[in-house]
N, C-alpha and C. Protein backbone atom coordinates (compact mmCIF):
# COMPACT_ATOMS: atom_id res chain seq x y z
N MET A 1 20.54 -16.86 4.12
CA MET A 1 21.13 -15.68 3.50
C MET A 1 20.84 -14.48 4.38
N GLY A 2 21.84 -13.71 4.72
CA GLY A 2 21.64 -12.54 5.54
C GLY A 2 22.19 -11.31 4.86
N PHE A 3 21.79 -10.17 5.39
CA PHE A 3 22.33 -8.93 4.87
C PHE A 3 22.35 -7.92 6.00
N LYS A 4 23.17 -6.91 5.85
CA LYS A 4 23.37 -5.90 6.88
C LYS A 4 22.78 -4.59 6.40
N ILE A 5 22.08 -3.92 7.30
CA ILE A 5 21.53 -2.60 6.99
C ILE A 5 22.12 -1.62 8.00
N ASP A 6 22.78 -0.60 7.51
CA ASP A 6 23.35 0.44 8.35
C ASP A 6 22.40 1.63 8.34
N VAL A 7 21.71 1.84 9.46
CA VAL A 7 20.69 2.89 9.52
C VAL A 7 21.12 3.94 10.54
N LYS A 8 21.11 5.19 10.12
CA LYS A 8 21.48 6.28 11.00
C LYS A 8 20.25 6.93 11.63
N SER A 9 19.12 6.80 11.00
CA SER A 9 17.89 7.40 11.52
C SER A 9 16.69 6.64 11.01
N ILE A 10 15.55 6.94 11.60
CA ILE A 10 14.30 6.31 11.14
C ILE A 10 13.99 6.71 9.70
N ASP A 11 14.38 7.93 9.30
CA ASP A 11 14.16 8.38 7.92
C ASP A 11 14.95 7.51 6.94
N ASP A 12 16.19 7.16 7.33
CA ASP A 12 17.00 6.28 6.48
C ASP A 12 16.33 4.93 6.32
N LEU A 13 15.81 4.40 7.42
CA LEU A 13 15.15 3.10 7.37
C LEU A 13 13.91 3.15 6.48
N GLN A 14 13.12 4.21 6.61
CA GLN A 14 11.93 4.34 5.78
C GLN A 14 12.30 4.45 4.31
N LYS A 15 13.35 5.20 4.00
CA LYS A 15 13.79 5.33 2.60
C LYS A 15 14.26 3.97 2.07
N MET A 16 15.03 3.24 2.86
CA MET A 16 15.51 1.92 2.43
C MET A 16 14.34 0.98 2.15
N LEU A 17 13.34 0.98 3.04
CA LEU A 17 12.18 0.11 2.84
C LEU A 17 11.41 0.51 1.59
N LYS A 18 11.27 1.80 1.36
CA LYS A 18 10.56 2.27 0.16
C LYS A 18 11.33 1.87 -1.09
N ASP A 19 12.67 2.05 -1.07
CA ASP A 19 13.51 1.65 -2.21
C ASP A 19 13.38 0.16 -2.49
N LEU A 20 13.38 -0.64 -1.42
CA LEU A 20 13.28 -2.08 -1.58
C LEU A 20 11.92 -2.45 -2.17
N GLU A 21 10.87 -1.83 -1.68
CA GLU A 21 9.53 -2.08 -2.19
C GLU A 21 9.43 -1.71 -3.67
N GLU A 22 9.97 -0.55 -4.04
CA GLU A 22 9.90 -0.10 -5.43
C GLU A 22 10.75 -0.96 -6.35
N SER A 23 11.86 -1.50 -5.83
CA SER A 23 12.75 -2.30 -6.67
C SER A 23 12.10 -3.61 -7.09
N GLU A 24 11.13 -4.09 -6.32
CA GLU A 24 10.43 -5.33 -6.64
C GLU A 24 9.32 -5.11 -7.66
N ASP A 25 8.97 -3.88 -7.92
CA ASP A 25 7.87 -3.56 -8.82
C ASP A 25 8.40 -3.36 -10.23
N PRO A 26 8.03 -4.23 -11.19
CA PRO A 26 8.55 -4.10 -12.55
C PRO A 26 8.16 -2.78 -13.22
N THR A 27 7.04 -2.19 -12.80
CA THR A 27 6.66 -0.92 -13.43
C THR A 27 7.62 0.19 -13.05
N THR A 28 8.26 0.07 -11.88
CA THR A 28 9.25 1.07 -11.47
C THR A 28 10.41 1.08 -12.46
N PHE A 29 10.90 -0.10 -12.84
CA PHE A 29 11.99 -0.17 -13.82
C PHE A 29 11.55 0.45 -15.14
N ASN A 30 10.36 0.10 -15.60
CA ASN A 30 9.87 0.63 -16.87
C ASN A 30 9.72 2.14 -16.82
N GLU A 31 9.25 2.66 -15.69
CA GLU A 31 9.11 4.12 -15.55
C GLU A 31 10.47 4.80 -15.68
N TRP A 32 11.49 4.24 -15.02
CA TRP A 32 12.83 4.83 -15.11
C TRP A 32 13.42 4.66 -16.51
N ALA A 33 13.17 3.54 -17.14
CA ALA A 33 13.65 3.35 -18.51
C ALA A 33 13.04 4.39 -19.44
N ASN A 34 11.76 4.65 -19.27
CA ASN A 34 11.09 5.67 -20.09
C ASN A 34 11.62 7.06 -19.79
N ARG A 35 11.87 7.37 -18.52
CA ARG A 35 12.46 8.67 -18.17
C ARG A 35 13.82 8.84 -18.82
N ILE A 36 14.62 7.78 -18.77
CA ILE A 36 15.95 7.82 -19.38
C ILE A 36 15.83 8.03 -20.88
N ALA A 37 14.94 7.30 -21.52
CA ALA A 37 14.75 7.44 -22.97
C ALA A 37 14.29 8.85 -23.32
N ASN A 38 13.34 9.38 -22.58
CA ASN A 38 12.84 10.73 -22.87
C ASN A 38 13.91 11.79 -22.67
N THR A 39 14.70 11.65 -21.61
CA THR A 39 15.80 12.60 -21.38
C THR A 39 16.84 12.48 -22.48
N ALA A 40 17.15 11.26 -22.89
CA ALA A 40 18.13 11.05 -23.96
C ALA A 40 17.65 11.67 -25.27
N LYS A 41 16.36 11.55 -25.53
CA LYS A 41 15.79 12.15 -26.76
C LYS A 41 15.91 13.66 -26.73
N GLN A 42 15.77 14.25 -25.55
CA GLN A 42 15.97 15.70 -25.43
C GLN A 42 17.43 16.06 -25.67
N ILE A 43 18.34 15.30 -25.07
CA ILE A 43 19.78 15.56 -25.24
C ILE A 43 20.15 15.47 -26.71
N CYS A 44 19.62 14.47 -27.41
CA CYS A 44 19.95 14.23 -28.82
C CYS A 44 19.06 15.01 -29.79
N ASN A 45 18.12 15.78 -29.25
CA ASN A 45 17.17 16.50 -30.10
C ASN A 45 16.48 15.51 -31.06
N ASP A 46 15.86 14.50 -30.46
CA ASP A 46 15.22 13.42 -31.22
C ASP A 46 13.74 13.27 -30.82
N PRO A 47 12.94 14.33 -30.98
CA PRO A 47 11.54 14.26 -30.55
C PRO A 47 10.70 13.26 -31.35
N ASP A 48 11.12 12.94 -32.57
CA ASP A 48 10.37 12.01 -33.41
C ASP A 48 10.78 10.55 -33.21
N CYS A 49 11.70 10.32 -32.27
CA CYS A 49 12.13 8.95 -31.93
C CYS A 49 12.75 8.22 -33.11
N LYS A 50 13.50 8.93 -33.92
CA LYS A 50 14.14 8.29 -35.07
C LYS A 50 15.50 7.71 -34.72
N ARG A 51 16.14 8.26 -33.68
CA ARG A 51 17.49 7.81 -33.33
C ARG A 51 17.52 6.92 -32.10
N ILE A 52 16.57 7.12 -31.20
CA ILE A 52 16.50 6.33 -29.97
C ILE A 52 15.08 5.78 -29.85
N LYS A 53 14.99 4.46 -29.79
CA LYS A 53 13.68 3.82 -29.63
C LYS A 53 13.72 2.92 -28.41
N ILE A 54 12.62 2.90 -27.72
CA ILE A 54 12.48 2.02 -26.57
C ILE A 54 11.24 1.18 -26.79
N ASN A 55 11.39 -0.14 -26.69
CA ASN A 55 10.29 -1.07 -26.94
C ASN A 55 10.14 -2.00 -25.76
N GLU A 56 8.90 -2.27 -25.39
CA GLU A 56 8.62 -3.24 -24.35
C GLU A 56 8.29 -4.57 -25.01
N THR A 57 8.94 -5.63 -24.55
CA THR A 57 8.72 -6.95 -25.12
C THR A 57 7.53 -7.62 -24.43
N ASP A 58 7.15 -8.79 -24.93
CA ASP A 58 6.04 -9.54 -24.34
C ASP A 58 6.31 -9.93 -22.89
N GLN A 59 7.57 -10.14 -22.57
CA GLN A 59 7.93 -10.55 -21.22
C GLN A 59 8.05 -9.37 -20.26
N GLY A 60 7.69 -8.17 -20.71
CA GLY A 60 7.79 -7.00 -19.86
C GLY A 60 9.17 -6.39 -19.81
N ARG A 61 10.06 -6.87 -20.65
CA ARG A 61 11.42 -6.33 -20.70
C ARG A 61 11.46 -5.12 -21.62
N ILE A 62 12.49 -4.31 -21.45
CA ILE A 62 12.65 -3.10 -22.25
C ILE A 62 13.86 -3.27 -23.16
N ASN A 63 13.71 -2.91 -24.42
CA ASN A 63 14.82 -2.92 -25.37
C ASN A 63 15.06 -1.50 -25.88
N PHE A 64 16.31 -1.08 -25.84
CA PHE A 64 16.70 0.19 -26.43
C PHE A 64 17.27 -0.10 -27.82
N GLU A 65 16.89 0.72 -28.80
CA GLU A 65 17.45 0.63 -30.14
C GLU A 65 18.07 1.97 -30.48
N PHE A 66 19.26 1.93 -31.07
CA PHE A 66 20.01 3.14 -31.38
C PHE A 66 20.30 3.23 -32.87
N ALA A 67 20.17 4.43 -33.42
CA ALA A 67 20.46 4.65 -34.84
C ALA A 67 21.94 4.88 -35.08
N ASP A 68 22.63 5.40 -34.08
CA ASP A 68 24.05 5.73 -34.26
C ASP A 68 24.76 5.83 -32.91
N LYS A 69 26.07 6.03 -32.97
CA LYS A 69 26.91 6.09 -31.79
C LYS A 69 26.53 7.27 -30.88
N GLU A 70 26.18 8.39 -31.48
CA GLU A 70 25.80 9.56 -30.69
C GLU A 70 24.53 9.30 -29.89
N ALA A 71 23.60 8.54 -30.44
CA ALA A 71 22.37 8.20 -29.74
C ALA A 71 22.67 7.37 -28.49
N ILE A 72 23.62 6.44 -28.61
CA ILE A 72 24.04 5.65 -27.45
C ILE A 72 24.61 6.58 -26.39
N ASP A 73 25.43 7.54 -26.81
CA ASP A 73 26.03 8.48 -25.88
C ASP A 73 24.96 9.32 -25.16
N CYS A 74 23.90 9.67 -25.86
CA CYS A 74 22.81 10.44 -25.24
C CYS A 74 22.14 9.64 -24.14
N VAL A 75 21.97 8.33 -24.34
CA VAL A 75 21.36 7.48 -23.32
C VAL A 75 22.32 7.35 -22.13
N ILE A 76 23.60 7.21 -22.39
CA ILE A 76 24.60 7.15 -21.32
C ILE A 76 24.55 8.43 -20.48
N GLN A 77 24.51 9.58 -21.14
CA GLN A 77 24.43 10.86 -20.43
C GLN A 77 23.14 10.95 -19.61
N SER A 78 22.06 10.46 -20.17
CA SER A 78 20.77 10.48 -19.49
C SER A 78 20.82 9.64 -18.22
N ILE A 79 21.40 8.46 -18.31
CA ILE A 79 21.53 7.60 -17.13
C ILE A 79 22.35 8.32 -16.07
N GLN A 80 23.45 8.95 -16.47
CA GLN A 80 24.29 9.66 -15.52
C GLN A 80 23.51 10.78 -14.81
N ARG A 81 22.69 11.49 -15.55
CA ARG A 81 21.90 12.58 -14.97
C ARG A 81 20.87 12.09 -13.96
N LEU A 82 20.24 10.96 -14.25
CA LEU A 82 19.12 10.49 -13.45
C LEU A 82 19.49 9.47 -12.37
N LEU A 83 20.69 8.96 -12.42
CA LEU A 83 21.09 7.85 -11.55
C LEU A 83 20.85 8.13 -10.07
N THR A 84 21.22 9.29 -9.59
CA THR A 84 21.10 9.56 -8.15
C THR A 84 19.66 9.79 -7.70
N LYS A 85 18.75 9.95 -8.64
CA LYS A 85 17.34 10.16 -8.31
C LYS A 85 16.57 8.85 -8.20
N MET A 86 17.18 7.76 -8.63
CA MET A 86 16.52 6.45 -8.64
C MET A 86 16.62 5.75 -7.30
N PRO A 87 15.69 4.83 -7.04
CA PRO A 87 15.85 3.95 -5.88
C PRO A 87 17.13 3.13 -6.04
N GLY A 88 17.72 2.72 -4.92
CA GLY A 88 19.00 2.01 -4.93
C GLY A 88 19.08 0.83 -5.86
N ALA A 89 18.08 -0.03 -5.84
CA ALA A 89 18.11 -1.22 -6.69
C ALA A 89 18.10 -0.83 -8.16
N GLN A 90 17.33 0.19 -8.51
CA GLN A 90 17.28 0.65 -9.90
C GLN A 90 18.64 1.23 -10.31
N GLN A 91 19.30 1.91 -9.37
CA GLN A 91 20.62 2.47 -9.66
C GLN A 91 21.57 1.37 -10.10
N GLU A 92 21.56 0.25 -9.39
CA GLU A 92 22.46 -0.86 -9.72
C GLU A 92 22.16 -1.41 -11.11
N ILE A 93 20.90 -1.55 -11.43
CA ILE A 93 20.50 -2.05 -12.75
C ILE A 93 20.98 -1.11 -13.84
N PHE A 94 20.74 0.19 -13.66
CA PHE A 94 21.10 1.14 -14.71
C PHE A 94 22.61 1.40 -14.77
N LYS A 95 23.33 1.18 -13.69
CA LYS A 95 24.80 1.25 -13.75
C LYS A 95 25.31 0.14 -14.68
N ARG A 96 24.74 -1.05 -14.53
CA ARG A 96 25.14 -2.17 -15.40
C ARG A 96 24.76 -1.90 -16.85
N LEU A 97 23.56 -1.36 -17.05
CA LEU A 97 23.14 -1.02 -18.42
C LEU A 97 24.06 0.03 -19.03
N LYS A 98 24.43 1.02 -18.24
CA LYS A 98 25.34 2.07 -18.72
C LYS A 98 26.65 1.45 -19.18
N THR A 99 27.18 0.51 -18.42
CA THR A 99 28.42 -0.18 -18.80
C THR A 99 28.22 -0.95 -20.10
N GLU A 100 27.08 -1.62 -20.24
CA GLU A 100 26.78 -2.35 -21.48
C GLU A 100 26.69 -1.39 -22.67
N PHE A 101 26.05 -0.24 -22.47
CA PHE A 101 25.93 0.75 -23.54
C PHE A 101 27.29 1.33 -23.91
N GLU A 102 28.15 1.53 -22.91
CA GLU A 102 29.50 2.04 -23.19
C GLU A 102 30.28 1.04 -24.04
N THR A 103 30.11 -0.25 -23.75
CA THR A 103 30.76 -1.30 -24.54
C THR A 103 30.21 -1.31 -25.95
N LYS A 104 28.90 -1.20 -26.08
CA LYS A 104 28.25 -1.19 -27.40
C LYS A 104 28.72 0.02 -28.20
N LYS A 105 28.83 1.17 -27.54
CA LYS A 105 29.29 2.40 -28.21
C LYS A 105 30.72 2.22 -28.73
N ALA A 106 31.57 1.58 -27.94
CA ALA A 106 32.95 1.38 -28.36
C ALA A 106 33.05 0.44 -29.56
N GLN A 107 32.08 -0.48 -29.68
CA GLN A 107 32.08 -1.44 -30.79
C GLN A 107 31.41 -0.90 -32.04
N TYR A 108 30.68 0.21 -31.91
CA TYR A 108 29.90 0.76 -33.02
C TYR A 108 30.75 1.22 -34.16
């Protein structure tokens, strides 16, 4: 299996290596999930966590729970705000999650 890396400078290479290293660390995903949840709670004015809940399972996975359609929308907005600040691998994960949340919102 091969892959291509297009590097314009040593800084680009260092950033790519750092992103790759962080993407392998499960705590990095959890940190971003928590940032997204906290930002969403601010957007929804939900400081008591009644509308948006985030739970870590035994397997280290994260589950989002929503009280209503607007809460889902707040998480979608939060992902959009934070997406460009994440390492590349995390961006791909949260893009997929955003699509899943958009589908869930449409079914709500």
